[in-house]
Amino acid sequence: MNAVDRFDHPAWVAAAGTLVSYGLILLVMFAALFALPFLVYSALL
């Protein structure tokens, strides 16, 4: 049995998709809540 075959189950794909989408959501929230307000504030000063 190949080591990659152990992770060929749909549950592993779902777990990886969940982690990637969670990371993307956190990145968007960070940009919307911290980066954009900082850039707007620094541009106005």
N, C-alpha and C. Protein backbone atom coordinates (compact mmCIF):
# COMPACT_ATOMS: atom_id res chain seq x y z
N MET A 1 0.84 -1.18 0.00
CA MET A 1 0.00 0.00 0.00
C MET A 1 0.89 1.24 0.00
N ASN A 2 0.58 2.15 -0.88
CA ASN A 2 1.31 3.40 -1.01
C ASN A 2 0.87 4.37 0.10
N ALA A 3 1.78 5.23 0.53
CA ALA A 3 1.45 6.17 1.60
C ALA A 3 0.39 7.17 1.15
N VAL A 4 0.37 7.51 -0.13
CA VAL A 4 -0.61 8.47 -0.64
C VAL A 4 -2.00 7.83 -0.68
N ASP A 5 -2.08 6.52 -0.86
CA ASP A 5 -3.37 5.84 -0.91
C ASP A 5 -4.12 5.94 0.41
N ARG A 6 -3.42 6.12 1.49
CA ARG A 6 -4.08 6.24 2.80
C ARG A 6 -4.91 7.51 2.89
N PHE A 7 -4.54 8.54 2.13
CA PHE A 7 -5.22 9.83 2.19
C PHE A 7 -6.09 10.07 0.97
N ASP A 8 -6.52 9.00 0.31
CA ASP A 8 -7.33 9.12 -0.90
C ASP A 8 -8.82 9.03 -0.60
N HIS A 9 -9.19 9.16 0.64
CA HIS A 9 -10.60 9.06 1.04
C HIS A 9 -11.25 10.44 0.92
N PRO A 10 -12.53 10.49 0.56
CA PRO A 10 -13.20 11.79 0.44
C PRO A 10 -13.21 12.61 1.74
N ALA A 11 -13.09 11.95 2.87
CA ALA A 11 -13.07 12.71 4.13
C ALA A 11 -11.80 13.57 4.23
N TRP A 12 -10.69 13.07 3.72
CA TRP A 12 -9.46 13.87 3.73
C TRP A 12 -9.56 15.05 2.79
N VAL A 13 -10.22 14.86 1.66
CA VAL A 13 -10.42 15.97 0.72
C VAL A 13 -11.33 17.02 1.35
N ALA A 14 -12.36 16.58 2.05
CA ALA A 14 -13.25 17.52 2.72
C ALA A 14 -12.53 18.27 3.83
N ALA A 15 -11.69 17.57 4.58
CA ALA A 15 -10.93 18.23 5.65
C ALA A 15 -9.97 19.26 5.08
N ALA A 16 -9.29 18.92 3.99
CA ALA A 16 -8.37 19.87 3.37
C ALA A 16 -9.12 21.07 2.82
N GLY A 17 -10.26 20.84 2.19
CA GLY A 17 -11.07 21.95 1.68
C GLY A 17 -11.58 22.85 2.79
N THR A 18 -11.94 22.24 3.91
CA THR A 18 -12.39 23.02 5.06
C THR A 18 -11.28 23.91 5.59
N LEU A 19 -10.09 23.36 5.72
CA LEU A 19 -8.96 24.15 6.23
C LEU A 19 -8.58 25.27 5.27
N VAL A 20 -8.59 24.99 3.98
CA VAL A 20 -8.25 26.03 3.01
C VAL A 20 -9.30 27.14 3.00
N SER A 21 -10.57 26.76 3.02
CA SER A 21 -11.61 27.79 3.01
C SER A 21 -11.62 28.58 4.31
N TYR A 22 -11.35 27.94 5.43
CA TYR A 22 -11.26 28.65 6.70
C TYR A 22 -10.12 29.67 6.66
N GLY A 23 -8.99 29.27 6.10
CA GLY A 23 -7.87 30.20 5.97
C GLY A 23 -8.19 31.37 5.07
N LEU A 24 -8.90 31.11 3.98
CA LEU A 24 -9.28 32.21 3.08
C LEU A 24 -10.26 33.17 3.75
N ILE A 25 -11.20 32.62 4.50
CA ILE A 25 -12.14 33.47 5.22
C ILE A 25 -11.41 34.34 6.24
N LEU A 26 -10.46 33.76 6.96
CA LEU A 26 -9.69 34.54 7.92
C LEU A 26 -8.87 35.63 7.23
N LEU A 27 -8.33 35.34 6.07
CA LEU A 27 -7.56 36.32 5.33
C LEU A 27 -8.45 37.48 4.87
N VAL A 28 -9.63 37.18 4.38
CA VAL A 28 -10.56 38.22 3.94
C VAL A 28 -11.02 39.06 5.13
N MET A 29 -11.31 38.40 6.24
CA MET A 29 -11.74 39.15 7.43
C MET A 29 -10.62 40.03 7.96
N PHE A 30 -9.38 39.55 7.94
CA PHE A 30 -8.25 40.36 8.38
C PHE A 30 -8.11 41.59 7.49
N ALA A 31 -8.22 41.38 6.19
CA ALA A 31 -8.10 42.51 5.27
C ALA A 31 -9.23 43.52 5.47
N ALA A 32 -10.45 43.02 5.65
CA ALA A 32 -11.60 43.92 5.78
C ALA A 32 -11.61 44.65 7.12
N LEU A 33 -11.17 43.99 8.18
CA LEU A 33 -11.28 44.58 9.51
C LEU A 33 -10.02 45.33 9.97
N PHE A 34 -8.87 45.00 9.40
CA PHE A 34 -7.64 45.62 9.88
C PHE A 34 -6.86 46.32 8.77
N ALA A 35 -6.62 45.66 7.67
CA ALA A 35 -5.76 46.25 6.64
C ALA A 35 -6.44 47.42 5.93
N LEU A 36 -7.68 47.25 5.50
CA LEU A 36 -8.37 48.34 4.81
C LEU A 36 -8.58 49.56 5.70
N PRO A 37 -9.07 49.41 6.93
CA PRO A 37 -9.19 50.61 7.78
C PRO A 37 -7.85 51.29 8.04
N PHE A 38 -6.79 50.52 8.19
CA PHE A 38 -5.48 51.13 8.40
C PHE A 38 -5.04 51.92 7.18
N LEU A 39 -5.26 51.37 5.99
CA LEU A 39 -4.89 52.08 4.77
C LEU A 39 -5.73 53.34 4.58
N VAL A 40 -7.01 53.27 4.87
CA VAL A 40 -7.88 54.45 4.75
C VAL A 40 -7.47 55.50 5.77
N TYR A 41 -7.22 55.09 6.99
CA TYR A 41 -6.82 56.03 8.05
C TYR A 41 -5.49 56.69 7.72
N SER A 42 -4.53 55.90 7.25
CA SER A 42 -3.22 56.47 6.94
C SER A 42 -3.27 57.36 5.69
N ALA A 43 -4.21 57.11 4.78
CA ALA A 43 -4.34 57.94 3.61
C ALA A 43 -4.97 59.29 3.95
N LEU A 44 -5.81 59.29 4.97
CA LEU A 44 -6.49 60.55 5.34
C LEU A 44 -5.61 61.46 6.18
N LEU A 45 -4.57 60.94 6.76
CA LEU A 45 -3.70 61.78 7.60
C LEU A 45 -2.58 62.42 6.82
